[in-house]
Protein backbone atom coordinates (compact mmCIF):
# COMPACT_ATOMS: atom_id res chain seq x y z
CA MET A 1 38.61 -16.05 46.12
CA PHE A 2 35.73 -18.71 46.71
CA ARG A 3 33.49 -17.95 49.70
CA CYS A 4 30.69 -20.18 51.28
CA LYS A 5 28.29 -19.98 54.11
CA PRO A 6 25.95 -23.01 54.39
CA GLU A 7 22.30 -22.24 55.34
CA ARG A 8 20.96 -23.08 58.69
CA ASN A 9 18.44 -25.76 58.65
CA PRO A 10 15.90 -24.14 61.45
CA LYS A 11 14.19 -27.25 62.04
CA GLN A 12 17.14 -28.74 63.52
CA VAL A 13 17.70 -25.97 65.62
CA THR A 14 14.02 -26.21 67.02
CA ILE A 15 14.52 -29.76 67.59
CA ILE A 16 17.84 -29.33 69.44
CA MET A 17 16.17 -26.59 72.06
CA LEU A 18 13.08 -28.83 72.38
CA THR A 19 15.09 -31.88 73.47
CA CYS A 20 17.29 -29.89 76.10
CA VAL A 21 14.13 -28.21 77.64
CA THR A 22 12.82 -31.68 77.73
CA ALA A 23 15.59 -32.99 79.30
CA PHE A 24 16.20 -30.20 81.75
CA ILE A 25 12.29 -30.51 82.57
CA THR A 26 12.93 -34.45 82.96
CA ALA A 27 15.62 -34.18 85.29
CA ALA A 28 14.13 -31.94 87.62
CA VAL A 29 11.42 -33.58 87.88
CA LEU A 30 13.20 -36.68 88.77
CA LEU A 31 15.19 -34.82 91.08
CA SER A 32 12.37 -33.24 93.19
CA SER A 33 10.33 -36.60 93.57
CA ILE A 34 12.57 -38.88 94.03
CA GLY A 35 14.66 -38.64 97.75
CA SER A 36 16.82 -41.91 97.23
CA PHE A 37 20.11 -41.27 95.64
CA ARG A 38 19.14 -37.55 94.94
CA TRP A 39 23.29 -36.78 94.26
CA ILE A 40 22.83 -38.92 90.72
CA PHE A 41 20.06 -36.86 89.75
CA GLU A 42 21.25 -33.51 90.87
CA LEU A 43 24.48 -34.80 88.64
CA ILE A 44 22.40 -35.36 85.90
CA LEU A 45 20.80 -31.86 85.85
CA ILE A 46 24.22 -30.48 85.83
CA ALA A 47 25.12 -32.49 82.74
CA VAL A 48 22.11 -32.06 81.07
CA ILE A 49 22.38 -28.11 81.63
CA SER A 50 26.12 -28.25 80.53
CA ALA A 51 25.17 -30.10 77.52
CA GLY A 52 22.50 -27.97 76.56
CA ILE A 53 24.22 -24.53 76.83
CA THR A 54 27.22 -26.15 74.68
CA VAL A 55 24.84 -27.60 71.79
CA VAL A 56 22.71 -24.67 71.45
CA TYR A 57 25.50 -22.50 71.58
CA ARG A 58 27.49 -24.37 68.84
CA TYR A 59 24.51 -24.95 66.66
CA SER A 60 22.17 -22.41 66.83
CA MET A 61 24.00 -19.16 67.66
CA THR A 62 27.59 -20.07 66.18
CA GLU A 63 27.81 -19.72 61.70
CA MET A 64 30.47 -20.60 59.70
CA GLU A 65 32.01 -19.38 56.66
CA TYR A 66 34.68 -20.81 54.53
CA GLU A 67 36.95 -19.19 52.33
CA VAL A 68 39.27 -19.81 49.82
CA SER A 69 41.92 -17.42 48.34
CA ASP A 70 45.65 -17.16 47.81
CA GLY A 71 46.37 -20.79 47.91
CA SER A 72 44.76 -21.19 51.79
CA PHE A 73 41.36 -22.41 53.39
CA THR A 74 40.17 -20.43 55.98
CA VAL A 75 36.85 -21.14 58.20
CA ILE A 76 35.58 -18.27 59.71
CA LYS A 77 33.26 -18.65 63.22
CA ALA A 78 30.77 -16.06 63.75
CA VAL A 79 28.91 -15.41 67.08
CA GLY A 80 26.71 -12.04 66.95
CA ARG A 81 28.70 -9.53 65.51
CA LYS A 82 31.72 -10.88 66.24
CA ARG A 83 34.08 -12.73 63.74
CA THR A 84 37.04 -15.01 64.67
CA VAL A 85 39.25 -17.00 62.11
CA ALA A 86 38.71 -20.79 63.10
CA CYS A 87 41.46 -22.05 61.09
CA SER A 88 43.73 -21.06 58.34
CA LEU A 89 45.73 -24.02 56.32
CA SER A 90 47.62 -23.76 53.13
CA LEU A 91 46.25 -25.80 49.96
CA SER A 92 49.89 -26.67 48.86
CA THR A 93 49.99 -29.19 51.70
CA ALA A 94 46.87 -30.75 50.76
CA ILE A 95 46.30 -34.44 50.56
CA THR A 96 42.44 -34.90 49.89
CA LEU A 97 39.33 -33.19 49.89
CA ILE A 98 36.31 -35.76 49.27
CA PRO A 99 32.39 -36.30 50.46
CA LYS A 100 32.70 -37.46 54.20
CA GLU A 101 31.04 -41.03 53.36
CA GLU A 102 33.71 -41.64 50.83
CA TYR A 103 36.26 -40.58 53.63
CA GLU A 104 34.83 -42.84 55.95
CA GLU A 105 34.92 -45.69 53.59
CA LYS A 106 38.31 -45.10 52.71
CA THR A 107 39.25 -44.72 56.66
CA LYS A 108 37.58 -48.43 57.27
CA ASN A 109 39.66 -49.69 54.30
CA GLY A 110 42.61 -48.57 55.92
CA GLU A 111 43.24 -46.37 52.51
CA MET A 112 43.81 -42.96 54.23
CA PRO A 113 46.53 -41.60 56.39
CA TYR A 114 46.50 -42.13 60.08
CA ILE A 115 44.60 -38.73 61.56
CA ASN A 116 46.46 -37.17 64.36
CA GLY A 117 43.60 -34.02 64.58
CA ARG A 118 40.12 -33.75 63.94
CA TYR A 119 37.97 -30.93 63.66
CA ASN A 120 34.49 -30.32 62.88
CA PHE A 121 33.34 -26.79 61.37
CA ASN A 122 30.04 -27.71 60.32
CA GLN A 123 26.86 -25.50 60.60
CA ASN A 124 24.10 -28.34 61.15
CA ILE A 125 24.52 -31.37 62.86
CA LYS A 126 23.10 -33.73 60.05
CA CYS A 127 24.46 -32.17 56.53
CA LYS A 128 26.04 -33.19 53.61
CA SER A 129 29.86 -32.69 54.49
CA TYR A 130 33.21 -32.61 52.88
CA VAL A 131 36.33 -33.24 54.45
CA TYR A 132 39.15 -31.82 53.81
CA VAL A 133 42.77 -33.92 54.77
CA CYS A 134 45.86 -32.28 54.87
CA GLU A 135 49.31 -31.70 56.54
CA PHE A 136 50.07 -29.44 59.14
CA ASN A 137 53.48 -29.00 61.31
CA GLY A 138 54.43 -32.53 60.57
CA LYS A 139 50.71 -33.70 61.49
CA THR A 140 47.90 -34.76 59.69
CA LEU A 141 44.69 -33.17 60.11
CA SER A 142 41.09 -33.91 58.85
CA VAL A 143 38.85 -30.74 58.53
CA GLU A 144 34.88 -31.40 58.39
CA PHE A 145 32.76 -29.10 56.75
CA GLU A 146 29.70 -28.22 54.35
CA PRO A 147 30.49 -26.46 50.97
CA ASN A 148 28.21 -26.16 48.47
CA ASP A 149 28.94 -27.67 45.24
CA ILE A 150 30.26 -24.59 43.55
CA PHE A 151 32.72 -24.23 46.85
CA VAL A 152 33.93 -27.84 46.12
CA CYS A 153 34.90 -27.12 42.66
CA GLY A 154 36.52 -23.84 43.26
CA MET A 155 38.84 -25.43 46.35
CA LEU A 156 39.73 -28.43 44.11
CA GLU A 157 41.01 -26.25 41.29
CA GLU A 158 42.90 -24.06 43.51
CA ILE A 159 44.23 -27.15 45.75
CA GLU A 160 45.93 -27.98 41.76
CA ASN A 161 47.01 -24.45 41.47
CA ALA A 162 48.53 -24.20 44.78
CA LYS A 163 50.32 -27.68 44.24
CA LYS A 164 51.62 -26.47 40.94
CA GLY A 165 53.02 -23.51 42.57
CA GLY A 166 54.90 -25.42 45.13
CA ASP A 167 56.38 -28.08 42.68
CA GLU A 168 57.99 -24.89 40.63
CA LYS A 169 59.83 -23.14 43.84
C-alpha cells in the first residue's frame, strides 16, 4: 500500500483569500457608488461571493489523500473530520500515468484517446501534477492529482502488477 498526502502551499491560501476579499470590497464599493446599472454590480457582487466561497472551500479547507492498494487507486477528500472517498479506480484498466505537461503535449499532438471525463484532485492550484488516464464503465477518464515521486514509482509498479494479474485470469 502506498499513500500520499500533498503539502498545502500556505502562500497560495493567503493569496486566494486576499484576492477574494479585494474583489468583494471592490464590487461592494462600485455597487454603493454607482447609481446607474446598479443591477450589474449586484450580479457581479453575487458572482464574487459565490466564486470566493467555492475557491476558499476547495483550496484552503479541503485536503486530498491518494492511496494505491489491492489493484486500485483511491482519492480521499477530507474536510475537517469528515473523510469521503472521492474516487476509486481499478489499476488494471490504466492507459497511462504521466506528468501533466507531457499529457498536455500528447493531447495537443493527438496521441491521447478522447477523454469522456476529467477530474482534478489537486490540493494546490499551481503544482507539479500527474494525470492518470484509465477506462471506467466503457469511458475514458483522466484524473489529475499531485503525488510525490515515491508514490508515482509505487503506482507505476502497481499498475504493471495489476495488468499482469488481469492477463492471467
